Amino acid sequence: MNVNHEIELLVQEIERLGNKNAAGQTSVKFGVLFNDDRCANIFEALVGTLRAAKKRKVVSFQNELLLQGVHDDVDIVLLKE
């Protein structure tokens, strides 16, 4: 698995599904990303890809670990477009 490629795909999906926030950054709720059919087909391990992107400062989100259902309303903010 090529992590950089997965992160590039993640950025594309956040741009597709997200909206601009007050700061002008694109953000999307975790639940929207997790429940999207296209994302489900692309990402084998969405949470792992999100963590790798966070570590590389491509995205930002509050929690260390995101769980479907519990964290559906957590904003994932795109830092690099």
PDB file of N, CA and C in Angstrom:
ATOM      1  N   MET A   1       0.847  -1.185   0.000  1.00  0.00           N
ATOM      2  CA  MET A   1       0.000   0.000   0.000  1.00  0.00           C
ATOM      3  C   MET A   1       0.890   1.244   0.000  1.00  0.00           C
ATOM      4  N   ASN A   2       0.637   2.154  -0.904  1.00  0.00           N
ATOM      5  CA  ASN A   2       1.372   3.404  -0.998  1.00  0.00           C
ATOM      6  C   ASN A   2       0.634   4.472  -0.191  1.00  0.00           C
ATOM      7  N   VAL A   3       1.190   4.823   0.955  1.00  0.00           N
ATOM      8  CA  VAL A   3       0.525   5.751   1.871  1.00  0.00           C
ATOM      9  C   VAL A   3       0.348   7.129   1.239  1.00  0.00           C
ATOM     10  N   ASN A   4       1.358   7.607   0.537  1.00  0.00           N
ATOM     11  CA  ASN A   4       1.244   8.928  -0.092  1.00  0.00           C
ATOM     12  C   ASN A   4       0.112   8.972  -1.101  1.00  0.00           C
ATOM     13  N   HIS A   5      -0.040   7.893  -1.867  1.00  0.00           N
ATOM     14  CA  HIS A   5      -1.134   7.822  -2.844  1.00  0.00           C
ATOM     15  C   HIS A   5      -2.484   7.807  -2.130  1.00  0.00           C
ATOM     16  N   GLU A   6      -2.585   7.053  -1.050  1.00  0.00           N
ATOM     17  CA  GLU A   6      -3.837   6.991  -0.279  1.00  0.00           C
ATOM     18  C   GLU A   6      -4.194   8.378   0.268  1.00  0.00           C
ATOM     19  N   ILE A   7      -3.184   9.119   0.726  1.00  0.00           N
ATOM     20  CA  ILE A   7      -3.428  10.458   1.267  1.00  0.00           C
ATOM     21  C   ILE A   7      -3.890  11.399   0.153  1.00  0.00           C
ATOM     22  N   GLU A   8      -3.303  11.277  -1.038  1.00  0.00           N
ATOM     23  CA  GLU A   8      -3.754  12.089  -2.177  1.00  0.00           C
ATOM     24  C   GLU A   8      -5.219  11.805  -2.499  1.00  0.00           C
ATOM     25  N   LEU A   9      -5.597  10.532  -2.474  1.00  0.00           N
ATOM     26  CA  LEU A   9      -6.997  10.172  -2.717  1.00  0.00           C
ATOM     27  C   LEU A   9      -7.907  10.727  -1.621  1.00  0.00           C
ATOM     28  N   LEU A  10      -7.421  10.687  -0.383  1.00  0.00           N
ATOM     29  CA  LEU A  10      -8.186  11.227   0.738  1.00  0.00           C
ATOM     30  C   LEU A  10      -8.442  12.717   0.551  1.00  0.00           C
ATOM     31  N   VAL A  11      -7.426  13.451   0.144  1.00  0.00           N
ATOM     32  CA  VAL A  11      -7.566  14.893  -0.102  1.00  0.00           C
ATOM     33  C   VAL A  11      -8.641  15.136  -1.160  1.00  0.00           C
ATOM     34  N   GLN A  12      -8.617  14.359  -2.227  1.00  0.00           N
ATOM     35  CA  GLN A  12      -9.615  14.499  -3.295  1.00  0.00           C
ATOM     36  C   GLN A  12     -11.030  14.253  -2.774  1.00  0.00           C
ATOM     37  N   GLU A  13     -11.178  13.245  -1.943  1.00  0.00           N
ATOM     38  CA  GLU A  13     -12.509  12.912  -1.413  1.00  0.00           C
ATOM     39  C   GLU A  13     -12.995  13.967  -0.421  1.00  0.00           C
ATOM     40  N   ILE A  14     -12.101  14.521   0.377  1.00  0.00           N
ATOM     41  CA  ILE A  14     -12.494  15.584   1.305  1.00  0.00           C
ATOM     42  C   ILE A  14     -12.929  16.813   0.512  1.00  0.00           C
ATOM     43  N   GLU A  15     -12.208  17.121  -0.566  1.00  0.00           N
ATOM     44  CA  GLU A  15     -12.595  18.251  -1.410  1.00  0.00           C
ATOM     45  C   GLU A  15     -13.948  18.005  -2.074  1.00  0.00           C
ATOM     46  N   ARG A  16     -14.207  16.757  -2.459  1.00  0.00           N
ATOM     47  CA  ARG A  16     -15.476  16.416  -3.114  1.00  0.00           C
ATOM     48  C   ARG A  16     -16.652  16.511  -2.146  1.00  0.00           C
ATOM     49  N   LEU A  17     -16.468  16.028  -0.933  1.00  0.00           N
ATOM     50  CA  LEU A  17     -17.568  15.926   0.027  1.00  0.00           C
ATOM     51  C   LEU A  17     -17.676  17.110   0.986  1.00  0.00           C
ATOM     52  N   GLY A  18     -16.592  17.864   1.133  1.00  0.00           N
ATOM     53  CA  GLY A  18     -16.539  18.900   2.158  1.00  0.00           C
ATOM     54  C   GLY A  18     -17.062  20.248   1.718  1.00  0.00           C
ATOM     55  N   ASN A  19     -17.072  21.145   2.679  1.00  0.00           N
ATOM     56  CA  ASN A  19     -17.475  22.534   2.475  1.00  0.00           C
ATOM     57  C   ASN A  19     -16.421  23.434   3.094  1.00  0.00           C
ATOM     58  N   LYS A  20     -16.361  24.669   2.626  1.00  0.00           N
ATOM     59  CA  LYS A  20     -15.431  25.642   3.200  1.00  0.00           C
ATOM     60  C   LYS A  20     -15.950  26.086   4.569  1.00  0.00           C
ATOM     61  N   ASN A  21     -15.049  26.144   5.548  1.00  0.00           N
ATOM     62  CA  ASN A  21     -15.428  26.632   6.873  1.00  0.00           C
ATOM     63  C   ASN A  21     -15.154  28.128   6.958  1.00  0.00           C
ATOM     64  N   ALA A  22     -15.339  28.723   8.123  1.00  0.00           N
ATOM     65  CA  ALA A  22     -15.167  30.165   8.297  1.00  0.00           C
ATOM     66  C   ALA A  22     -13.745  30.618   7.980  1.00  0.00           C
ATOM     67  N   ALA A  23     -12.775  29.740   8.182  1.00  0.00           N
ATOM     68  CA  ALA A  23     -11.367  30.080   7.927  1.00  0.00           C
ATOM     69  C   ALA A  23     -10.988  29.863   6.461  1.00  0.00           C
ATOM     70  N   GLY A  24     -11.941  29.412   5.651  1.00  0.00           N
ATOM     71  CA  GLY A  24     -11.662  29.180   4.239  1.00  0.00           C
ATOM     72  C   GLY A  24     -11.054  27.822   3.938  1.00  0.00           C
ATOM     73  N   GLN A  25     -10.997  26.957   4.954  1.00  0.00           N
ATOM     74  CA  GLN A  25     -10.469  25.607   4.767  1.00  0.00           C
ATOM     75  C   GLN A  25     -11.615  24.651   4.470  1.00  0.00           C
ATOM     76  N   THR A  26     -11.318  23.609   3.720  1.00  0.00           N
ATOM     77  CA  THR A  26     -12.322  22.601   3.422  1.00  0.00           C
ATOM     78  C   THR A  26     -12.415  21.634   4.595  1.00  0.00           C
ATOM     79  N   SER A  27     -13.631  21.367   5.044  1.00  0.00           N
ATOM     80  CA  SER A  27     -13.818  20.400   6.129  1.00  0.00           C
ATOM     81  C   SER A  27     -15.014  19.513   5.821  1.00  0.00           C
ATOM     82  N   VAL A  28     -14.970  18.330   6.405  1.00  0.00           N
ATOM     83  CA  VAL A  28     -16.038  17.349   6.226  1.00  0.00           C
ATOM     84  C   VAL A  28     -16.201  16.600   7.546  1.00  0.00           C
ATOM     85  N   LYS A  29     -17.409  16.208   7.850  1.00  0.00           N
ATOM     86  CA  LYS A  29     -17.667  15.413   9.049  1.00  0.00           C
ATOM     87  C   LYS A  29     -17.164  13.979   8.812  1.00  0.00           C
ATOM     88  N   PHE A  30     -16.625  13.369   9.848  1.00  0.00           N
ATOM     89  CA  PHE A  30     -16.128  12.003   9.744  1.00  0.00           C
ATOM     90  C   PHE A  30     -17.223  11.047   9.281  1.00  0.00           C
ATOM     91  N   GLY A  31     -18.430  11.227   9.793  1.00  0.00           N
ATOM     92  CA  GLY A  31     -19.535  10.348   9.416  1.00  0.00           C
ATOM     93  C   GLY A  31     -19.857  10.421   7.937  1.00  0.00           C
ATOM     94  N   VAL A  32     -19.770  11.616   7.345  1.00  0.00           N
ATOM     95  CA  VAL A  32     -20.027  11.784   5.917  1.00  0.00           C
ATOM     96  C   VAL A  32     -18.975  11.022   5.114  1.00  0.00           C
ATOM     97  N   LEU A  33     -17.722  11.170   5.513  1.00  0.00           N
ATOM     98  CA  LEU A  33     -16.619  10.496   4.830  1.00  0.00           C
ATOM     99  C   LEU A  33     -16.731   8.983   4.983  1.00  0.00           C
ATOM    100  N   PHE A  34     -17.003   8.540   6.212  1.00  0.00           N
ATOM    101  CA  PHE A  34     -17.055   7.109   6.509  1.00  0.00           C
ATOM    102  C   PHE A  34     -18.212   6.419   5.789  1.00  0.00           C
ATOM    103  N   ASN A  35     -19.344   7.091   5.677  1.00  0.00           N
ATOM    104  CA  ASN A  35     -20.548   6.472   5.107  1.00  0.00           C
ATOM    105  C   ASN A  35     -20.684   6.644   3.594  1.00  0.00           C
ATOM    106  N   ASP A  36     -19.742   7.343   2.977  1.00  0.00           N
ATOM    107  CA  ASP A  36     -19.790   7.551   1.531  1.00  0.00           C
ATOM    108  C   ASP A  36     -19.390   6.265   0.804  1.00  0.00           C
ATOM    109  N   ASP A  37     -20.203   5.833  -0.153  1.00  0.00           N
ATOM    110  CA  ASP A  37     -19.945   4.586  -0.883  1.00  0.00           C
ATOM    111  C   ASP A  37     -18.628   4.619  -1.646  1.00  0.00           C
ATOM    112  N   ARG A  38     -18.345   5.744  -2.281  1.00  0.00           N
ATOM    113  CA  ARG A  38     -17.103   5.851  -3.055  1.00  0.00           C
ATOM    114  C   ARG A  38     -15.875   5.718  -2.144  1.00  0.00           C
ATOM    115  N   CYS A  39     -15.925   6.365  -0.987  1.00  0.00           N
ATOM    116  CA  CYS A  39     -14.817   6.262  -0.024  1.00  0.00           C
ATOM    117  C   CYS A  39     -14.675   4.834   0.488  1.00  0.00           C
ATOM    118  N   ALA A  40     -15.791   4.178   0.706  1.00  0.00           N
ATOM    119  CA  ALA A  40     -15.745   2.787   1.175  1.00  0.00           C
ATOM    120  C   ALA A  40     -15.052   1.890   0.159  1.00  0.00           C
ATOM    121  N   ASN A  41     -15.226   2.179  -1.118  1.00  0.00           N
ATOM    122  CA  ASN A  41     -14.587   1.382  -2.159  1.00  0.00           C
ATOM    123  C   ASN A  41     -13.105   1.724  -2.336  1.00  0.00           C
ATOM    124  N   ILE A  42     -12.731   2.954  -2.045  1.00  0.00           N
ATOM    125  CA  ILE A  42     -11.342   3.393  -2.226  1.00  0.00           C
ATOM    126  C   ILE A  42     -10.469   2.977  -1.058  1.00  0.00           C
ATOM    127  N   PHE A  43     -10.937   3.234   0.163  1.00  0.00           N
ATOM    128  CA  PHE A  43     -10.097   3.075   1.347  1.00  0.00           C
ATOM    129  C   PHE A  43     -10.398   1.777   2.090  1.00  0.00           C
ATOM    130  N   GLU A  44      -9.369   0.954   2.176  1.00  0.00           N
ATOM    131  CA  GLU A  44      -9.506  -0.285   2.927  1.00  0.00           C
ATOM    132  C   GLU A  44      -9.522   0.017   4.428  1.00  0.00           C
ATOM    133  N   ALA A  45      -8.721   0.996   4.824  1.00  0.00           N
ATOM    134  CA  ALA A  45      -8.624   1.378   6.235  1.00  0.00           C
ATOM    135  C   ALA A  45      -8.669   2.904   6.328  1.00  0.00           C
ATOM    136  N   LEU A  46      -9.859   3.474   6.272  1.00  0.00           N
ATOM    137  CA  LEU A  46     -10.028   4.928   6.262  1.00  0.00           C
ATOM    138  C   LEU A  46      -9.399   5.573   7.493  1.00  0.00           C
ATOM    139  N   VAL A  47      -9.627   4.998   8.660  1.00  0.00           N
ATOM    140  CA  VAL A  47      -9.103   5.586   9.891  1.00  0.00           C
ATOM    141  C   VAL A  47      -7.575   5.590   9.874  1.00  0.00           C
ATOM    142  N   GLY A  48      -6.970   4.532   9.367  1.00  0.00           N
ATOM    143  CA  GLY A  48      -5.509   4.476   9.260  1.00  0.00           C
ATOM    144  C   GLY A  48      -4.975   5.533   8.311  1.00  0.00           C
ATOM    145  N   THR A  49      -5.666   5.735   7.196  1.00  0.00           N
ATOM    146  CA  THR A  49      -5.270   6.766   6.230  1.00  0.00           C
ATOM    147  C   THR A  49      -5.413   8.153   6.852  1.00  0.00           C
ATOM    148  N   LEU A  50      -6.486   8.373   7.599  1.00  0.00           N
ATOM    149  CA  LEU A  50      -6.677   9.660   8.276  1.00  0.00           C
ATOM    150  C   LEU A  50      -5.569   9.909   9.294  1.00  0.00           C
ATOM    151  N   ARG A  51      -5.190   8.899  10.040  1.00  0.00           N
ATOM    152  CA  ARG A  51      -4.118   9.056  11.028  1.00  0.00           C
ATOM    153  C   ARG A  51      -2.788   9.363  10.356  1.00  0.00           C
ATOM    154  N   ALA A  52      -2.503   8.700   9.241  1.00  0.00           N
ATOM    155  CA  ALA A  52      -1.268   8.965   8.498  1.00  0.00           C
ATOM    156  C   ALA A  52      -1.270  10.390   7.953  1.00  0.00           C
ATOM    157  N   ALA A  53      -2.422  10.848   7.455  1.00  0.00           N
ATOM    158  CA  ALA A  53      -2.542  12.210   6.923  1.00  0.00           C
ATOM    159  C   ALA A  53      -2.402  13.242   8.042  1.00  0.00           C
ATOM    160  N   LYS A  54      -2.923  12.924   9.218  1.00  0.00           N
ATOM    161  CA  LYS A  54      -2.800  13.832  10.362  1.00  0.00           C
ATOM    162  C   LYS A  54      -1.339  13.936  10.784  1.00  0.00           C
ATOM    163  N   LYS A  55      -0.643  12.814  10.814  1.00  0.00           N
ATOM    164  CA  LYS A  55       0.765  12.792  11.194  1.00  0.00           C
ATOM    165  C   LYS A  55       1.612  13.637  10.227  1.00  0.00           C
ATOM    166  N   ARG A  56       1.220  13.660   8.953  1.00  0.00           N
ATOM    167  CA  ARG A  56       1.927  14.442   7.924  1.00  0.00           C
ATOM    168  C   ARG A  56       1.393  15.867   7.820  1.00  0.00           C
ATOM    169  N   LYS A  57       0.485  16.236   8.734  1.00  0.00           N
ATOM    170  CA  LYS A  57      -0.118  17.576   8.799  1.00  0.00           C
ATOM    171  C   LYS A  57      -0.849  17.969   7.511  1.00  0.00           C
ATOM    172  N   VAL A  58      -1.524  16.977   6.910  1.00  0.00           N
ATOM    173  CA  VAL A  58      -2.353  17.224   5.727  1.00  0.00           C
ATOM    174  C   VAL A  58      -3.785  17.514   6.163  1.00  0.00           C
ATOM    175  N   VAL A  59      -4.219  16.847   7.239  1.00  0.00           N
ATOM    176  CA  VAL A  59      -5.553  17.066   7.808  1.00  0.00           C
ATOM    177  C   VAL A  59      -5.422  17.286   9.311  1.00  0.00           C
ATOM    178  N   SER A  60      -6.487  17.800   9.886  1.00  0.00           N
ATOM    179  CA  SER A  60      -6.536  18.015  11.323  1.00  0.00           C
ATOM    180  C   SER A  60      -7.895  17.553  11.836  1.00  0.00           C
ATOM    181  N   PHE A  61      -7.887  16.890  12.986  1.00  0.00           N
ATOM    182  CA  PHE A  61      -9.127  16.548  13.678  1.00  0.00           C
ATOM    183  C   PHE A  61      -8.813  16.400  15.156  1.00  0.00           C
ATOM    184  N   GLN A  62      -9.843  16.538  15.996  1.00  0.00           N
ATOM    185  CA  GLN A  62      -9.648  16.616  17.439  1.00  0.00           C
ATOM    186  C   GLN A  62      -9.183  15.321  18.087  1.00  0.00           C
ATOM    187  N   ASN A  63      -9.852  14.240  17.812  1.00  0.00           N
ATOM    188  CA  ASN A  63      -9.595  12.996  18.528  1.00  0.00           C
ATOM    189  C   ASN A  63      -8.372  12.271  17.972  1.00  0.00           C
ATOM    190  N   GLU A  64      -7.771  11.450  18.811  1.00  0.00           N
ATOM    191  CA  GLU A  64      -6.645  10.631  18.365  1.00  0.00           C
ATOM    192  C   GLU A  64      -7.145   9.473  17.507  1.00  0.00           C
ATOM    193  N   LEU A  65      -8.260   8.893  17.918  1.00  0.00           N
ATOM    194  CA  LEU A  65      -8.849   7.764  17.211  1.00  0.00           C
ATOM    195  C   LEU A  65     -10.299   8.090  16.885  1.00  0.00           C
ATOM    196  N   LEU A  66     -10.705   7.832  15.654  1.00  0.00           N
ATOM    197  CA  LEU A  66     -12.079   8.095  15.241  1.00  0.00           C
ATOM    198  C   LEU A  66     -12.835   6.776  15.099  1.00  0.00           C
ATOM    199  N   LEU A  67     -14.001   6.722  15.705  1.00  0.00           N
ATOM    200  CA  LEU A  67     -14.844   5.530  15.647  1.00  0.00           C
ATOM    201  C   LEU A  67     -16.167   5.876  14.989  1.00  0.00           C
ATOM    202  N   GLN A  68     -16.604   5.025  14.078  1.00  0.00           N
ATOM    203  CA  GLN A  68     -17.869   5.242  13.376  1.00  0.00           C
ATOM    204  C   GLN A  68     -19.002   5.249  14.391  1.00  0.00           C
ATOM    205  N   GLY A  69     -19.905   6.188  14.235  1.00  0.00           N
ATOM    206  CA  GLY A  69     -21.028   6.325  15.154  1.00  0.00           C
ATOM    207  C   GLY A  69     -20.702   7.309  16.263  1.00  0.00           C
ATOM    208  N   VAL A  70     -19.688   7.016  17.044  1.00  0.00           N
ATOM    209  CA  VAL A  70     -19.312   7.857  18.183  1.00  0.00           C
ATOM    210  C   VAL A  70     -18.776   9.214  17.726  1.00  0.00           C
ATOM    211  N   HIS A  71     -17.977   9.212  16.671  1.00  0.00           N
ATOM    212  CA  HIS A  71     -17.305  10.428  16.220  1.00  0.00           C
ATOM    213  C   HIS A  71     -17.815  10.932  14.863  1.00  0.00           C
ATOM    214  N   ASP A  72     -19.048  10.607  14.507  1.00  0.00           N
ATOM    215  CA  ASP A  72     -19.593  11.017  13.208  1.00  0.00           C
ATOM    216  C   ASP A  72     -19.613  12.533  13.018  1.00  0.00           C
ATOM    217  N   ASP A  73     -19.719  13.308  14.115  1.00  0.00           N
ATOM    218  CA  ASP A  73     -19.809  14.766  13.998  1.00  0.00           C
ATOM    219  C   ASP A  73     -18.461  15.474  14.128  1.00  0.00           C
ATOM    220  N   VAL A  74     -17.373  14.717  14.175  1.00  0.00           N
ATOM    221  CA  VAL A  74     -16.040  15.323  14.267  1.00  0.00           C
ATOM    222  C   VAL A  74     -15.647  15.885  12.901  1.00  0.00           C
ATOM    223  N   ASP A  75     -15.199  17.142  12.904  1.00  0.00           N
ATOM    224  CA  ASP A  75     -14.760  17.781  11.668  1.00  0.00           C
ATOM    225  C   ASP A  75     -13.348  17.342  11.306  1.00  0.00           C
ATOM    226  N   ILE A  76     -13.176  16.974  10.040  1.00  0.00           N
ATOM    227  CA  ILE A  76     -11.845  16.694   9.494  1.00  0.00           C
ATOM    228  C   ILE A  76     -11.539  17.872   8.578  1.00  0.00           C
ATOM    229  N   VAL A  77     -10.501  18.621   8.929  1.00  0.00           N
ATOM    230  CA  VAL A  77     -10.158  19.851   8.207  1.00  0.00           C
ATOM    231  C   VAL A  77      -8.932  19.610   7.345  1.00  0.00           C
ATOM    232  N   LEU A  78      -9.053  19.989   6.096  1.00  0.00           N
ATOM    233  CA  LEU A  78      -7.966  19.857   5.149  1.00  0.00           C
ATOM    234  C   LEU A  78      -7.011  21.037   5.336  1.00  0.00           C
ATOM    235  N   LEU A  79      -5.750  20.752   5.684  1.00  0.00           N
ATOM    236  CA  LEU A  79      -4.766  21.803   5.917  1.00  0.00           C
ATOM    237  C   LEU A  79      -3.997  22.158   4.655  1.00  0.00           C
ATOM    238  N   LYS A  80      -3.810  21.177   3.766  1.00  0.00           N
ATOM    239  CA  LYS A  80      -3.078  21.404   2.517  1.00  0.00           C
ATOM    240  C   LYS A  80      -3.969  21.015   1.351  1.00  0.00           C
ATOM    241  N   GLU A  81      -4.185  21.934   0.437  1.00  0.00           N
ATOM    242  CA  GLU A  81      -5.047  21.631  -0.710  1.00  0.00           C
ATOM    243  C   GLU A  81      -4.255  21.598  -1.989  1.00  0.00           C
TER     244      GLU A  81
END
